[in-house]
Amino acid sequence: MASRTERKLSGSGVRLVMIGAPLVVIGIVLALVLDHNAVGIGVALAVLGAIPVVVGIVTLLTAGVERHARKDRPFA
């Protein structure tokens, strides 16, 4: 069974990825659809969505390291 810290990290990581992923997709679609001058709006939205996605992935990786450390096996 997972520890409390691992469950909290996993839940937060999934939530952050689910918040940021739609913003990234919408930003990429807008960047592809809009004209030359308005492409920046889509790119800015994609970058703002990428921030929580990256934080969520790092949080999920931290939960994985927590799980690996709990098994008392060497990392190398």
Protein backbone atom coordinates (compact mmCIF):
# COMPACT_ATOMS: atom_id res chain seq x y z
CA MET A 1 0.00 0.00 0.00
CA ALA A 2 1.23 3.46 -0.86
CA SER A 3 2.26 5.86 1.84
CA ARG A 4 0.27 9.00 2.53
CA THR A 5 2.95 11.24 1.03
CA GLU A 6 3.08 9.19 -2.14
CA ARG A 7 -0.72 9.31 -2.56
CA LYS A 8 -0.77 13.08 -2.02
CA LEU A 9 2.05 13.64 -4.53
CA SER A 10 0.40 11.41 -7.13
CA GLY A 11 -2.98 13.10 -6.73
CA SER A 12 -1.51 16.57 -7.01
CA GLY A 13 0.61 15.60 -10.01
CA VAL A 14 -2.33 14.16 -11.95
CA ARG A 15 -4.46 17.19 -11.11
CA LEU A 16 -1.79 19.61 -12.35
CA VAL A 17 -1.29 17.70 -15.60
CA MET A 18 -5.04 17.64 -16.20
CA ILE A 19 -5.25 21.40 -15.61
CA GLY A 20 -2.40 22.27 -17.97
CA ALA A 21 -2.94 19.81 -20.82
CA PRO A 22 -6.09 21.44 -22.25
CA LEU A 23 -4.41 24.85 -22.19
CA VAL A 24 -1.46 23.48 -24.14
CA VAL A 25 -3.73 21.89 -26.73
CA ILE A 26 -5.86 25.03 -27.12
CA GLY A 27 -2.73 27.18 -27.39
CA ILE A 28 -1.22 24.97 -30.10
CA VAL A 29 -4.49 24.96 -32.07
CA LEU A 30 -4.74 28.75 -31.83
CA ALA A 31 -1.12 29.15 -32.92
CA LEU A 32 -1.79 27.01 -35.98
CA VAL A 33 -5.09 28.68 -36.92
CA LEU A 34 -4.34 32.39 -36.33
CA ASP A 35 -2.54 34.78 -38.67
CA HIS A 36 1.09 35.85 -38.46
CA ASN A 37 0.51 38.69 -36.01
CA ALA A 38 -1.79 36.77 -33.65
CA VAL A 39 0.26 33.58 -33.37
CA GLY A 40 1.75 34.96 -30.15
CA ILE A 41 -1.59 34.55 -28.37
CA GLY A 42 -1.60 30.80 -29.02
CA VAL A 43 2.06 30.44 -28.12
CA ALA A 44 1.57 32.37 -24.87
CA LEU A 45 -1.40 30.20 -23.93
CA ALA A 46 0.57 27.03 -24.70
CA VAL A 47 3.49 28.21 -22.56
CA LEU A 48 1.18 29.11 -19.68
CA GLY A 49 -0.37 25.64 -19.93
CA ALA A 50 3.02 23.94 -20.10
CA ILE A 51 4.05 25.26 -16.68
CA PRO A 52 1.54 23.19 -14.64
CA VAL A 53 2.15 20.19 -16.92
CA VAL A 54 5.87 20.23 -16.17
CA VAL A 55 5.27 20.73 -12.44
CA GLY A 56 2.78 17.85 -12.46
CA ILE A 57 5.22 15.52 -14.22
CA VAL A 58 7.96 16.38 -11.74
CA THR A 59 5.54 15.73 -8.87
CA LEU A 60 4.63 12.33 -10.35
CA LEU A 61 8.32 11.48 -10.72
CA THR A 62 8.86 12.44 -7.08
CA ALA A 63 6.06 10.05 -6.09
CA GLY A 64 7.81 7.32 -8.09
CA VAL A 65 11.07 7.95 -6.30
CA GLU A 66 9.19 7.80 -2.99
CA ARG A 67 7.77 4.40 -3.97
CA HIS A 68 11.18 3.10 -5.03
CA ALA A 69 12.79 4.31 -1.79
CA ARG A 70 10.07 2.58 0.23
CA LYS A 71 11.09 -0.81 -1.21
CA ASP A 72 14.58 -0.58 0.43
CA ARG A 73 16.40 -1.40 -2.78
CA PRO A 74 19.52 0.44 -3.95
CA PHE A 75 19.07 3.11 -6.61
CA ALA A 76 22.24 2.26 -8.53
